[in-house]
Protein backbone atom coordinates (compact mmCIF):
# COMPACT_ATOMS: atom_id res chain seq x y z
CA MET A 1 -93.52 -38.39 -54.68
CA VAL A 2 -94.27 -39.59 -58.23
CA TRP A 3 -94.33 -36.81 -60.91
CA ARG A 4 -95.87 -37.49 -64.12
CA VAL A 5 -95.80 -35.00 -66.87
CA CYS A 6 -99.13 -33.99 -68.01
CA PRO A 7 -99.31 -34.28 -71.94
CA ALA A 8 -99.82 -31.02 -73.76
CA VAL A 9 -102.02 -32.68 -75.97
CA ARG A 10 -104.43 -33.50 -73.96
CA ALA A 11 -107.55 -31.44 -73.34
CA ASP A 12 -107.37 -31.24 -69.63
CA ALA A 13 -103.78 -30.50 -69.64
CA PRO A 14 -103.96 -27.00 -68.16
CA LEU A 15 -106.36 -28.51 -65.56
CA CYS A 16 -103.48 -31.37 -64.97
CA VAL A 17 -101.01 -28.43 -64.21
CA LEU A 18 -103.19 -26.71 -62.05
CA ARG A 19 -103.74 -29.78 -59.83
CA ARG A 20 -99.99 -30.26 -59.85
CA LEU A 21 -98.99 -26.63 -58.64
CA SER A 22 -101.90 -26.81 -55.94
CA SER A 23 -100.63 -30.16 -54.81
CA LEU A 24 -97.18 -28.67 -54.68
CA LEU A 25 -98.37 -25.60 -52.94
CA LEU A 26 -99.92 -27.50 -50.28
CA ALA A 27 -96.78 -29.66 -49.62
CA MET A 28 -94.46 -26.33 -49.37
CA ILE A 29 -97.44 -24.62 -46.71
CA LEU A 30 -97.33 -27.82 -44.61
CA LEU A 31 -93.64 -28.10 -44.52
CA PHE A 32 -93.45 -24.11 -43.33
CA LEU A 33 -96.08 -25.18 -40.68
CA LEU A 34 -94.33 -28.33 -39.29
CA VAL A 35 -90.22 -26.95 -39.48
CA PRO A 36 -89.66 -24.51 -36.88
CA VAL A 37 -87.70 -21.40 -38.86
CA ALA A 38 -84.21 -20.63 -37.40
CA GLY A 39 -84.36 -17.58 -35.12
CA ALA A 40 -88.31 -17.04 -35.51
CA ALA A 41 -88.34 -17.49 -31.57
CA GLY A 42 -87.65 -14.08 -29.45
CA GLU A 43 -87.79 -10.41 -30.52
CA THR A 44 -85.27 -9.01 -33.24
CA TRP A 45 -83.09 -6.71 -31.25
CA SER A 46 -80.61 -4.02 -32.70
CA TYR A 47 -77.24 -2.95 -31.17
CA ASN A 48 -75.63 0.45 -31.38
CA ALA A 49 -72.34 0.16 -30.05
CA THR A 50 -71.93 3.93 -29.85
CA GLU A 51 -74.78 4.82 -27.71
CA LYS A 52 -74.35 1.20 -25.96
CA THR A 53 -78.01 0.49 -26.20
CA LEU A 54 -80.18 -2.43 -27.56
CA THR A 55 -83.38 -1.59 -29.04
CA CYS A 56 -86.49 -3.93 -29.90
CA ILE A 57 -90.15 -2.69 -31.23
CA VAL A 58 -92.87 -4.78 -29.59
CA ASP A 59 -96.38 -4.13 -30.47
CA GLY A 60 -95.65 -0.74 -31.68
CA GLU A 61 -93.96 0.20 -28.75
CA THR A 62 -90.01 0.74 -28.50
CA ILE A 63 -87.98 -1.11 -25.37
CA THR A 64 -84.41 0.26 -25.34
CA LEU A 65 -81.85 -1.24 -22.96
CA LYS A 66 -79.11 0.88 -21.95
CA GLU A 67 -75.27 0.58 -21.02
CA VAL A 68 -74.89 -2.63 -23.10
CA THR A 69 -71.25 -3.49 -23.50
CA ALA A 70 -69.78 -5.48 -26.15
CA ASP A 71 -66.58 -7.88 -25.48
CA GLY A 72 -66.22 -9.04 -29.56
CA THR A 73 -69.44 -10.29 -30.09
CA ASN A 74 -70.73 -11.05 -26.42
CA LEU A 75 -73.04 -8.24 -24.88
CA THR A 76 -73.46 -7.31 -21.41
CA ILE A 77 -76.59 -5.91 -20.01
CA GLY A 78 -75.81 -3.06 -17.48
CA GLN A 79 -78.02 -0.89 -15.15
CA ASN A 80 -81.43 -0.06 -16.97
CA HIS A 81 -84.14 0.83 -14.28
CA MET A 82 -86.90 0.63 -16.79
CA ASP A 83 -90.16 2.13 -16.35
CA LEU A 84 -92.65 1.59 -19.30
CA GLY A 85 -95.40 3.18 -17.40
CA ASP A 86 -98.80 2.42 -18.88
CA SER A 87 -97.56 0.10 -21.62
CA ASP A 88 -98.67 -2.93 -22.30
CA ILE A 89 -95.72 -4.71 -22.75
CA THR A 90 -95.57 -7.56 -19.76
CA THR A 91 -92.49 -9.83 -21.39
CA LEU A 92 -89.14 -9.11 -21.65
CA ASP A 93 -88.06 -11.68 -24.53
CA LEU A 94 -83.98 -11.55 -24.83
CA SER A 95 -84.14 -14.88 -26.81
CA GLY A 96 -83.98 -13.33 -30.23
CA SER A 97 -81.75 -12.23 -32.73
CA ILE A 98 -79.34 -9.32 -32.05
CA SER A 99 -77.46 -7.44 -35.02
CA SER A 100 -76.02 -4.05 -35.48
CA ASN A 101 -76.27 -1.72 -38.25
CA ASP A 102 -73.18 -3.16 -40.25
CA GLY A 103 -74.72 -6.65 -40.21
CA THR A 104 -72.59 -8.13 -36.96
CA SER A 105 -74.56 -10.63 -35.05
CA TYR A 106 -74.38 -10.51 -31.22
CA THR A 107 -74.86 -12.51 -28.20
CA ILE A 108 -76.21 -11.78 -24.70
CA THR A 109 -73.84 -13.86 -22.51
CA ALA A 110 -74.06 -11.60 -19.22
CA ILE A 111 -76.74 -9.79 -17.27
CA GLY A 112 -74.75 -7.42 -15.35
CA GLY A 113 -75.21 -6.24 -11.82
CA SER A 114 -78.73 -4.39 -10.96
CA ALA A 115 -79.37 -4.59 -14.85
CA PHE A 116 -83.14 -4.41 -13.95
CA ASP A 117 -83.17 -3.32 -10.42
CA GLY A 118 -86.70 -2.24 -9.58
CA CYS A 119 -88.28 -2.94 -13.06
CA THR A 120 -91.95 -3.77 -11.81
CA SER A 121 -93.25 -3.47 -15.57
CA PHE A 122 -92.63 -6.89 -16.68
CA THR A 123 -94.29 -10.17 -15.33
CA SER A 124 -92.21 -12.78 -17.36
CA VAL A 125 -88.41 -12.55 -18.72
CA ILE A 126 -87.06 -14.88 -21.21
CA LEU A 127 -83.48 -15.07 -21.49
CA PRO A 128 -81.16 -16.50 -24.42
CA GLU A 129 -79.56 -19.62 -24.55
CA SER A 130 -76.36 -17.87 -24.91
CA LEU A 131 -76.66 -16.36 -21.35
CA LYS A 132 -73.76 -17.52 -18.85
CA SER A 133 -74.15 -15.17 -15.85
CA ILE A 134 -76.63 -13.28 -13.65
CA GLY A 135 -75.02 -10.45 -11.71
CA ASP A 136 -75.44 -8.86 -8.20
CA ASN A 137 -79.01 -7.51 -7.88
CA ALA A 138 -79.79 -8.07 -11.40
CA PHE A 139 -83.36 -8.37 -10.82
CA VAL A 140 -83.57 -7.46 -7.50
CA ASN A 141 -87.00 -6.05 -6.56
CA CYS A 142 -88.78 -6.51 -9.65
CA THR A 143 -92.11 -7.19 -7.86
CA GLY A 144 -94.29 -7.64 -10.93
CA LEU A 145 -92.20 -10.75 -12.11
CA THR A 146 -94.13 -14.00 -12.10
CA SER A 147 -91.74 -16.35 -14.32
CA ILE A 148 -88.21 -16.19 -15.58
CA THR A 149 -86.72 -18.92 -17.94
CA LEU A 150 -83.07 -19.57 -16.86
CA PRO A 151 -81.33 -21.03 -19.69
CA ASP A 152 -79.10 -24.28 -18.79
CA SER A 153 -76.12 -22.30 -20.14
CA VAL A 154 -76.30 -20.15 -16.93
CA THR A 155 -73.37 -21.36 -14.97
CA THR A 156 -73.75 -18.34 -12.15
CA ILE A 157 -76.18 -16.45 -10.30
CA GLU A 158 -74.52 -13.99 -8.21
CA ARG A 159 -75.95 -12.60 -4.63
CA ARG A 160 -79.32 -10.96 -4.12
CA ALA A 161 -80.05 -11.51 -8.05
CA PHE A 162 -83.86 -12.15 -7.58
CA TYR A 163 -84.11 -10.58 -3.91
CA GLY A 164 -87.48 -9.16 -3.46
CA CYS A 165 -89.48 -10.45 -6.55
CA THR A 166 -92.38 -10.83 -4.08
CA ILE A 167 -94.87 -12.67 -6.62
CA LEU A 168 -92.05 -14.96 -8.52
CA THR A 169 -93.81 -18.53 -7.69
CA SER A 170 -91.25 -21.04 -9.18
CA ILE A 171 -87.81 -21.12 -10.44
CA ASP A 172 -86.14 -24.07 -12.20
CA LEU A 173 -82.41 -23.70 -11.55
CA PRO A 174 -80.07 -24.32 -14.63
CA ILE A 175 -78.20 -27.63 -15.34
CA GLY A 176 -74.90 -26.18 -15.64
CA LEU A 177 -75.12 -23.84 -12.49
CA THR A 178 -72.03 -24.12 -10.50
CA THR A 179 -72.39 -20.65 -8.47
CA LEU A 180 -75.51 -19.87 -6.49
CA GLY A 181 -74.70 -16.40 -4.65
CA ASP A 182 -75.54 -15.36 -1.33
CA ARG A 183 -79.52 -14.54 -0.62
CA ALA A 184 -79.95 -14.87 -4.29
CA PHE A 185 -83.84 -15.51 -3.78
CA MET A 186 -84.18 -13.77 -0.45
CA GLY A 187 -87.43 -12.17 -0.13
CA CYS A 188 -89.21 -13.69 -2.59
CA THR A 189 -92.46 -14.63 -0.53
CA ARG A 190 -94.39 -16.58 -2.90
CA LEU A 191 -91.78 -18.82 -4.38
CA GLU A 192 -93.69 -22.35 -3.96
CA SER A 193 -91.19 -24.43 -5.59
CA SER A 194 -87.50 -24.52 -7.01
CA THR A 195 -86.27 -27.44 -9.12
CA CYS A 196 -82.22 -28.22 -8.78
CA PRO A 197 -80.12 -29.87 -10.75
CA THR A 198 -79.04 -33.33 -10.18
CA VAL A 199 -75.46 -33.89 -9.73
């Protein structure tokens, strides 16, 4: 881009400056629309180490995950038995940023055993790229679950992890998967397709 300085002595100098500013503003708007903003995906979560909770506000409604434990800055989500009742929230998005009141950033590395056992409110779950393992019975009997995004960072899916997810229709197993537990997808009666990584 070539920048010319508008001579102050010209009668149309204010118009020239206005044109330059509007061109600059248009370029900035296009830049923000075309370049993804880091951390813009997913919801923003707050971690409370004392209460062992993760909290997020989605469309004015609060989601609180309980029994969340930290090992350094790595989090494991424990048993929740969530029931959002008449809530309109159908997607559990764990892919966003997580921080505590003191500004420490955290990542979810494990979904623990029975973490979302029987949670029927969610139709889809988005897991973070930092996730490494999904525990025993983690999503057992999540009968509303139709889709879940498993990131390639997942190396372990324990036994019965998705047992009884009766309307789950497809699953893409992650490239990094090294352990698939017994009956991980048993009872997923509508599972029509699964994609396995090539070795």
